[in-house]
Amino acid sequence: MEDGSQPTYRTLHMLVKHGDRGVLVLTVGVLLLGLLAVFMTGALWAAPLVLVGTGLLYVVARSYVELVRVIVDMLLPK
């Protein structure tokens, strides 16, 4: 918006374009790191917590991406 024109909202457009892939990468990364931590510490009781937490992270992140898509579709000028 340096020249006084309409704002571009680069981050929102990036989330719309790459949101699905980003959520998948984020979730798999957290899952792998969590399972690695469980097995490195020997606290096998925490493995179900990692799985449930990763599932919740996936749902929350996906809903955020969908919310951004709705906002971009409805509110931003085209």
PDB file of N, CA and C in Angstrom:
ATOM      1  N   MET A   1       0.831  -1.175   0.000  1.00  0.00           N
ATOM      2  CA  MET A   1       0.000   0.000   0.000  1.00  0.00           C
ATOM      3  C   MET A   1       0.878   1.241   0.000  1.00  0.00           C
ATOM      4  N   GLU A   2       2.042   1.134  -0.559  1.00  0.00           N
ATOM      5  CA  GLU A   2       2.971   2.248  -0.575  1.00  0.00           C
ATOM      6  C   GLU A   2       2.499   3.374  -1.488  1.00  0.00           C
ATOM      7  N   ASP A   3       1.794   3.035  -2.542  1.00  0.00           N
ATOM      8  CA  ASP A   3       1.415   4.047  -3.525  1.00  0.00           C
ATOM      9  C   ASP A   3       0.003   4.584  -3.329  1.00  0.00           C
ATOM     10  N   GLY A   4      -0.650   4.229  -2.219  1.00  0.00           N
ATOM     11  CA  GLY A   4      -1.981   4.742  -1.942  1.00  0.00           C
ATOM     12  C   GLY A   4      -3.104   3.929  -2.571  1.00  0.00           C
ATOM     13  N   SER A   5      -2.796   2.826  -3.219  1.00  0.00           N
ATOM     14  CA  SER A   5      -3.829   1.997  -3.835  1.00  0.00           C
ATOM     15  C   SER A   5      -4.460   1.086  -2.777  1.00  0.00           C
ATOM     16  N   GLN A   6      -5.324   0.211  -3.240  1.00  0.00           N
ATOM     17  CA  GLN A   6      -5.989  -0.734  -2.347  1.00  0.00           C
ATOM     18  C   GLN A   6      -4.959  -1.649  -1.676  1.00  0.00           C
ATOM     19  N   PRO A   7      -5.181  -2.006  -0.396  1.00  0.00           N
ATOM     20  CA  PRO A   7      -4.275  -2.949   0.256  1.00  0.00           C
ATOM     21  C   PRO A   7      -4.353  -4.324  -0.406  1.00  0.00           C
ATOM     22  N   THR A   8      -3.264  -5.073  -0.382  1.00  0.00           N
ATOM     23  CA  THR A   8      -3.230  -6.351  -1.091  1.00  0.00           C
ATOM     24  C   THR A   8      -3.553  -7.548  -0.204  1.00  0.00           C
ATOM     25  N   TYR A   9      -3.400  -7.433   1.115  1.00  0.00           N
ATOM     26  CA  TYR A   9      -3.684  -8.528   2.041  1.00  0.00           C
ATOM     27  C   TYR A   9      -2.948  -9.802   1.629  1.00  0.00           C
ATOM     28  N   ARG A  10      -1.636  -9.705   1.525  1.00  0.00           N
ATOM     29  CA  ARG A  10      -0.819 -10.829   1.047  1.00  0.00           C
ATOM     30  C   ARG A  10      -0.956 -12.062   1.929  1.00  0.00           C
ATOM     31  N   THR A  11      -1.003 -11.874   3.230  1.00  0.00           N
ATOM     32  CA  THR A  11      -1.075 -13.025   4.134  1.00  0.00           C
ATOM     33  C   THR A  11      -2.394 -13.772   3.970  1.00  0.00           C
ATOM     34  N   LEU A  12      -3.488 -13.057   3.840  1.00  0.00           N
ATOM     35  CA  LEU A  12      -4.778 -13.707   3.635  1.00  0.00           C
ATOM     36  C   LEU A  12      -4.804 -14.481   2.330  1.00  0.00           C
ATOM     37  N   HIS A  13      -4.272 -13.892   1.273  1.00  0.00           N
ATOM     38  CA  HIS A  13      -4.249 -14.584  -0.017  1.00  0.00           C
ATOM     39  C   HIS A  13      -3.319 -15.796   0.014  1.00  0.00           C
ATOM     40  N   MET A  14      -2.225 -15.703   0.781  1.00  0.00           N
ATOM     41  CA  MET A  14      -1.334 -16.856   0.934  1.00  0.00           C
ATOM     42  C   MET A  14      -2.058 -17.987   1.663  1.00  0.00           C
ATOM     43  N   LEU A  15      -2.824 -17.651   2.710  1.00  0.00           N
ATOM     44  CA  LEU A  15      -3.581 -18.672   3.431  1.00  0.00           C
ATOM     45  C   LEU A  15      -4.648 -19.312   2.555  1.00  0.00           C
ATOM     46  N   VAL A  16      -5.288 -18.525   1.714  1.00  0.00           N
ATOM     47  CA  VAL A  16      -6.303 -19.077   0.814  1.00  0.00           C
ATOM     48  C   VAL A  16      -5.649 -20.047  -0.172  1.00  0.00           C
ATOM     49  N   LYS A  17      -4.503 -19.658  -0.694  1.00  0.00           N
ATOM     50  CA  LYS A  17      -3.846 -20.463  -1.730  1.00  0.00           C
ATOM     51  C   LYS A  17      -3.156 -21.700  -1.160  1.00  0.00           C
ATOM     52  N   HIS A  18      -2.447 -21.550  -0.037  1.00  0.00           N
ATOM     53  CA  HIS A  18      -1.623 -22.643   0.488  1.00  0.00           C
ATOM     54  C   HIS A  18      -2.109 -23.169   1.837  1.00  0.00           C
ATOM     55  N   GLY A  19      -3.300 -22.814   2.253  1.00  0.00           N
ATOM     56  CA  GLY A  19      -3.779 -23.175   3.585  1.00  0.00           C
ATOM     57  C   GLY A  19      -3.894 -24.662   3.820  1.00  0.00           C
ATOM     58  N   ASP A  20      -4.427 -25.405   2.864  1.00  0.00           N
ATOM     59  CA  ASP A  20      -4.598 -26.848   3.050  1.00  0.00           C
ATOM     60  C   ASP A  20      -3.254 -27.538   3.236  1.00  0.00           C
ATOM     61  N   ARG A  21      -2.310 -27.194   2.381  1.00  0.00           N
ATOM     62  CA  ARG A  21      -0.981 -27.794   2.472  1.00  0.00           C
ATOM     63  C   ARG A  21      -0.289 -27.375   3.774  1.00  0.00           C
ATOM     64  N   GLY A  22      -0.449 -26.125   4.152  1.00  0.00           N
ATOM     65  CA  GLY A  22       0.169 -25.637   5.383  1.00  0.00           C
ATOM     66  C   GLY A  22      -0.366 -26.331   6.626  1.00  0.00           C
ATOM     67  N   VAL A  23      -1.675 -26.538   6.659  1.00  0.00           N
ATOM     68  CA  VAL A  23      -2.276 -27.235   7.806  1.00  0.00           C
ATOM     69  C   VAL A  23      -1.757 -28.660   7.879  1.00  0.00           C
ATOM     70  N   LEU A  24      -1.649 -29.322   6.746  1.00  0.00           N
ATOM     71  CA  LEU A  24      -1.157 -30.695   6.732  1.00  0.00           C
ATOM     72  C   LEU A  24       0.300 -30.762   7.194  1.00  0.00           C
ATOM     73  N   VAL A  25       1.134 -29.862   6.703  1.00  0.00           N
ATOM     74  CA  VAL A  25       2.546 -29.839   7.103  1.00  0.00           C
ATOM     75  C   VAL A  25       2.665 -29.537   8.598  1.00  0.00           C
ATOM     76  N   LEU A  26       1.920 -28.565   9.075  1.00  0.00           N
ATOM     77  CA  LEU A  26       1.948 -28.210  10.499  1.00  0.00           C
ATOM     78  C   LEU A  26       1.533 -29.397  11.360  1.00  0.00           C
ATOM     79  N   THR A  27       0.448 -30.042  11.004  1.00  0.00           N
ATOM     80  CA  THR A  27      -0.081 -31.137  11.809  1.00  0.00           C
ATOM     81  C   THR A  27       0.860 -32.339  11.814  1.00  0.00           C
ATOM     82  N   VAL A  28       1.363 -32.712  10.650  1.00  0.00           N
ATOM     83  CA  VAL A  28       2.277 -33.856  10.591  1.00  0.00           C
ATOM     84  C   VAL A  28       3.569 -33.541  11.349  1.00  0.00           C
ATOM     85  N   GLY A  29       4.058 -32.315  11.231  1.00  0.00           N
ATOM     86  CA  GLY A  29       5.260 -31.933  11.970  1.00  0.00           C
ATOM     87  C   GLY A  29       5.078 -32.020  13.472  1.00  0.00           C
ATOM     88  N   VAL A  30       3.959 -31.510  13.964  1.00  0.00           N
ATOM     89  CA  VAL A  30       3.686 -31.569  15.404  1.00  0.00           C
ATOM     90  C   VAL A  30       3.504 -33.019  15.847  1.00  0.00           C
ATOM     91  N   LEU A  31       2.846 -33.820  15.036  1.00  0.00           N
ATOM     92  CA  LEU A  31       2.660 -35.234  15.369  1.00  0.00           C
ATOM     93  C   LEU A  31       4.001 -35.953  15.470  1.00  0.00           C
ATOM     94  N   LEU A  32       4.871 -35.751  14.479  1.00  0.00           N
ATOM     95  CA  LEU A  32       6.170 -36.422  14.499  1.00  0.00           C
ATOM     96  C   LEU A  32       7.031 -35.953  15.668  1.00  0.00           C
ATOM     97  N   LEU A  33       7.042 -34.656  15.919  1.00  0.00           N
ATOM     98  CA  LEU A  33       7.819 -34.147  17.052  1.00  0.00           C
ATOM     99  C   LEU A  33       7.261 -34.650  18.386  1.00  0.00           C
ATOM    100  N   GLY A  34       5.956 -34.702  18.489  1.00  0.00           N
ATOM    101  CA  GLY A  34       5.342 -35.195  19.725  1.00  0.00           C
ATOM    102  C   GLY A  34       5.645 -36.661  19.964  1.00  0.00           C
ATOM    103  N   LEU A  35       5.528 -37.477  18.914  1.00  0.00           N
ATOM    104  CA  LEU A  35       5.834 -38.902  19.063  1.00  0.00           C
ATOM    105  C   LEU A  35       7.320 -39.123  19.329  1.00  0.00           C
ATOM    106  N   LEU A  36       8.168 -38.328  18.708  1.00  0.00           N
ATOM    107  CA  LEU A  36       9.603 -38.419  18.978  1.00  0.00           C
ATOM    108  C   LEU A  36       9.888 -38.098  20.450  1.00  0.00           C
ATOM    109  N   ALA A  37       9.259 -37.061  20.961  1.00  0.00           N
ATOM    110  CA  ALA A  37       9.442 -36.701  22.371  1.00  0.00           C
ATOM    111  C   ALA A  37       8.932 -37.800  23.293  1.00  0.00           C
ATOM    112  N   VAL A  38       7.805 -38.418  22.933  1.00  0.00           N
ATOM    113  CA  VAL A  38       7.252 -39.498  23.755  1.00  0.00           C
ATOM    114  C   VAL A  38       8.232 -40.665  23.820  1.00  0.00           C
ATOM    115  N   PHE A  39       8.757 -41.062  22.686  1.00  0.00           N
ATOM    116  CA  PHE A  39       9.638 -42.225  22.679  1.00  0.00           C
ATOM    117  C   PHE A  39      11.031 -41.915  23.221  1.00  0.00           C
ATOM    118  N   MET A  40      11.482 -40.678  23.096  1.00  0.00           N
ATOM    119  CA  MET A  40      12.789 -40.318  23.658  1.00  0.00           C
ATOM    120  C   MET A  40      12.740 -40.233  25.181  1.00  0.00           C
ATOM    121  N   THR A  41      11.617 -39.814  25.721  1.00  0.00           N
ATOM    122  CA  THR A  41      11.499 -39.712  27.177  1.00  0.00           C
ATOM    123  C   THR A  41      11.012 -41.010  27.809  1.00  0.00           C
ATOM    124  N   GLY A  42      10.440 -41.888  27.016  1.00  0.00           N
ATOM    125  CA  GLY A  42       9.929 -43.143  27.558  1.00  0.00           C
ATOM    126  C   GLY A  42       8.562 -43.011  28.193  1.00  0.00           C
ATOM    127  N   ALA A  43       7.930 -41.865  28.055  1.00  0.00           N
ATOM    128  CA  ALA A  43       6.606 -41.649  28.650  1.00  0.00           C
ATOM    129  C   ALA A  43       5.529 -42.085  27.651  1.00  0.00           C
ATOM    130  N   LEU A  44       5.374 -43.400  27.517  1.00  0.00           N
ATOM    131  CA  LEU A  44       4.440 -43.933  26.515  1.00  0.00           C
ATOM    132  C   LEU A  44       2.987 -43.581  26.818  1.00  0.00           C
ATOM    133  N   TRP A  45       2.705 -43.230  28.071  1.00  0.00           N
ATOM    134  CA  TRP A  45       1.345 -42.828  28.426  1.00  0.00           C
ATOM    135  C   TRP A  45       0.933 -41.541  27.714  1.00  0.00           C
ATOM    136  N   ALA A  46       1.910 -40.755  27.257  1.00  0.00           N
ATOM    137  CA  ALA A  46       1.609 -39.478  26.610  1.00  0.00           C
ATOM    138  C   ALA A  46       1.292 -39.624  25.124  1.00  0.00           C
ATOM    139  N   ALA A  47       1.526 -40.796  24.552  1.00  0.00           N
ATOM    140  CA  ALA A  47       1.263 -40.992  23.120  1.00  0.00           C
ATOM    141  C   ALA A  47      -0.199 -40.720  22.754  1.00  0.00           C
ATOM    142  N   PRO A  48      -1.175 -41.224  23.510  1.00  0.00           N
ATOM    143  CA  PRO A  48      -2.563 -40.878  23.176  1.00  0.00           C
ATOM    144  C   PRO A  48      -2.853 -39.378  23.272  1.00  0.00           C
ATOM    145  N   LEU A  49      -2.196 -38.706  24.214  1.00  0.00           N
ATOM    146  CA  LEU A  49      -2.383 -37.260  24.336  1.00  0.00           C
ATOM    147  C   LEU A  49      -1.845 -36.535  23.100  1.00  0.00           C
ATOM    148  N   VAL A  50      -0.730 -37.004  22.591  1.00  0.00           N
ATOM    149  CA  VAL A  50      -0.160 -36.414  21.374  1.00  0.00           C
ATOM    150  C   VAL A  50      -1.117 -36.615  20.209  1.00  0.00           C
ATOM    151  N   LEU A  51      -1.676 -37.800  20.091  1.00  0.00           N
ATOM    152  CA  LEU A  51      -2.599 -38.084  18.986  1.00  0.00           C
ATOM    153  C   LEU A  51      -3.868 -37.235  19.077  1.00  0.00           C
ATOM    154  N   VAL A  52      -4.438 -37.136  20.264  1.00  0.00           N
ATOM    155  CA  VAL A  52      -5.655 -36.333  20.443  1.00  0.00           C
ATOM    156  C   VAL A  52      -5.357 -34.855  20.230  1.00  0.00           C
ATOM    157  N   GLY A  53      -4.240 -34.385  20.780  1.00  0.00           N
ATOM    158  CA  GLY A  53      -3.865 -32.983  20.607  1.00  0.00           C
ATOM    159  C   GLY A  53      -3.606 -32.631  19.158  1.00  0.00           C
ATOM    160  N   THR A  54      -2.973 -33.536  18.429  1.00  0.00           N
ATOM    161  CA  THR A  54      -2.719 -33.289  17.010  1.00  0.00           C
ATOM    162  C   THR A  54      -4.028 -33.270  16.228  1.00  0.00           C
ATOM    163  N   GLY A  55      -4.946 -34.146  16.581  1.00  0.00           N
ATOM    164  CA  GLY A  55      -6.255 -34.134  15.925  1.00  0.00           C
ATOM    165  C   GLY A  55      -6.996 -32.827  16.156  1.00  0.00           C
ATOM    166  N   LEU A  56      -6.940 -32.340  17.381  1.00  0.00           N
ATOM    167  CA  LEU A  56      -7.582 -31.054  17.689  1.00  0.00           C
ATOM    168  C   LEU A  56      -6.898 -29.899  16.959  1.00  0.00           C
ATOM    169  N   LEU A  57      -5.571 -29.945  16.891  1.00  0.00           N
ATOM    170  CA  LEU A  57      -4.837 -28.923  16.150  1.00  0.00           C
ATOM    171  C   LEU A  57      -5.259 -28.914  14.684  1.00  0.00           C
ATOM    172  N   TYR A  58      -5.423 -30.085  14.096  1.00  0.00           N
ATOM    173  CA  TYR A  58      -5.841 -30.175  12.700  1.00  0.00           C
ATOM    174  C   TYR A  58      -7.215 -29.526  12.494  1.00  0.00           C
ATOM    175  N   VAL A  59      -8.144 -29.841  13.376  1.00  0.00           N
ATOM    176  CA  VAL A  59      -9.503 -29.292  13.237  1.00  0.00           C
ATOM    177  C   VAL A  59      -9.503 -27.776  13.403  1.00  0.00           C
ATOM    178  N   VAL A  60      -8.785 -27.274  14.393  1.00  0.00           N
ATOM    179  CA  VAL A  60      -8.741 -25.826  14.631  1.00  0.00           C
ATOM    180  C   VAL A  60      -8.052 -25.107  13.474  1.00  0.00           C
ATOM    181  N   ALA A  61      -6.940 -25.647  12.996  1.00  0.00           N
ATOM    182  CA  ALA A  61      -6.217 -25.004  11.899  1.00  0.00           C
ATOM    183  C   ALA A  61      -7.039 -25.027  10.609  1.00  0.00           C
ATOM    184  N   ARG A  62      -7.706 -26.142  10.333  1.00  0.00           N
ATOM    185  CA  ARG A  62      -8.554 -26.214   9.135  1.00  0.00           C
ATOM    186  C   ARG A  62      -9.703 -25.222   9.215  1.00  0.00           C
ATOM    187  N   SER A  63     -10.306 -25.096  10.390  1.00  0.00           N
ATOM    188  CA  SER A  63     -11.418 -24.165  10.523  1.00  0.00           C
ATOM    189  C   SER A  63     -10.933 -22.732  10.355  1.00  0.00           C
ATOM    190  N   TYR A  64      -9.724 -22.432  10.817  1.00  0.00           N
ATOM    191  CA  TYR A  64      -9.158 -21.090  10.632  1.00  0.00           C
ATOM    192  C   TYR A  64      -8.960 -20.793   9.146  1.00  0.00           C
ATOM    193  N   VAL A  65      -8.432 -21.751   8.410  1.00  0.00           N
ATOM    194  CA  VAL A  65      -8.231 -21.555   6.970  1.00  0.00           C
ATOM    195  C   VAL A  65      -9.575 -21.356   6.272  1.00  0.00           C
ATOM    196  N   GLU A  66     -10.557 -22.135   6.647  1.00  0.00           N
ATOM    197  CA  GLU A  66     -11.885 -21.981   6.039  1.00  0.00           C
ATOM    198  C   GLU A  66     -12.487 -20.621   6.381  1.00  0.00           C
ATOM    199  N   LEU A  67     -12.291 -20.160   7.597  1.00  0.00           N
ATOM    200  CA  LEU A  67     -12.791 -18.848   7.999  1.00  0.00           C
ATOM    201  C   LEU A  67     -12.123 -17.745   7.189  1.00  0.00           C
ATOM    202  N   VAL A  68     -10.834 -17.858   6.983  1.00  0.00           N
ATOM    203  CA  VAL A  68     -10.123 -16.873   6.165  1.00  0.00           C
ATOM    204  C   VAL A  68     -10.665 -16.893   4.734  1.00  0.00           C
ATOM    205  N   ARG A  69     -10.959 -18.059   4.212  1.00  0.00           N
ATOM    206  CA  ARG A  69     -11.513 -18.153   2.849  1.00  0.00           C
ATOM    207  C   ARG A  69     -12.874 -17.465   2.756  1.00  0.00           C
ATOM    208  N   VAL A  70     -13.696 -17.652   3.769  1.00  0.00           N
ATOM    209  CA  VAL A  70     -14.999 -16.984   3.774  1.00  0.00           C
ATOM    210  C   VAL A  70     -14.821 -15.471   3.824  1.00  0.00           C
ATOM    211  N   ILE A  71     -13.921 -15.012   4.663  1.00  0.00           N
ATOM    212  CA  ILE A  71     -13.675 -13.571   4.769  1.00  0.00           C
ATOM    213  C   ILE A  71     -13.187 -13.008   3.449  1.00  0.00           C
ATOM    214  N   VAL A  72     -12.240 -13.692   2.834  1.00  0.00           N
ATOM    215  CA  VAL A  72     -11.702 -13.204   1.562  1.00  0.00           C
ATOM    216  C   VAL A  72     -12.786 -13.193   0.489  1.00  0.00           C
ATOM    217  N   ASP A  73     -13.588 -14.240   0.425  1.00  0.00           N
ATOM    218  CA  ASP A  73     -14.647 -14.325  -0.595  1.00  0.00           C
ATOM    219  C   ASP A  73     -15.720 -13.257  -0.399  1.00  0.00           C
ATOM    220  N   MET A  74     -16.065 -12.979   0.853  1.00  0.00           N
ATOM    221  CA  MET A  74     -17.205 -12.100   1.105  1.00  0.00           C
ATOM    222  C   MET A  74     -16.830 -10.632   1.295  1.00  0.00           C
ATOM    223  N   LEU A  75     -15.676 -10.357   1.904  1.00  0.00           N
ATOM    224  CA  LEU A  75     -15.411  -8.996   2.331  1.00  0.00           C
ATOM    225  C   LEU A  75     -14.364  -8.254   1.529  1.00  0.00           C
ATOM    226  N   LEU A  76     -13.432  -8.955   0.929  1.00  0.00           N
ATOM    227  CA  LEU A  76     -12.372  -8.244   0.205  1.00  0.00           C
ATOM    228  C   LEU A  76     -12.830  -7.875  -1.195  1.00  0.00           C
ATOM    229  N   PRO A  77     -12.457  -6.715  -1.639  1.00  0.00           N
ATOM    230  CA  PRO A  77     -12.816  -6.327  -3.017  1.00  0.00           C
ATOM    231  C   PRO A  77     -12.050  -7.184  -4.020  1.00  0.00           C
ATOM    232  N   LYS A  78     -12.717  -7.414  -5.151  1.00  0.00           N
ATOM    233  CA  LYS A  78     -12.092  -8.238  -6.191  1.00  0.00           C
ATOM    234  C   LYS A  78     -11.672  -7.412  -7.355  1.00  0.00           C
TER     235      LYS A  78
END
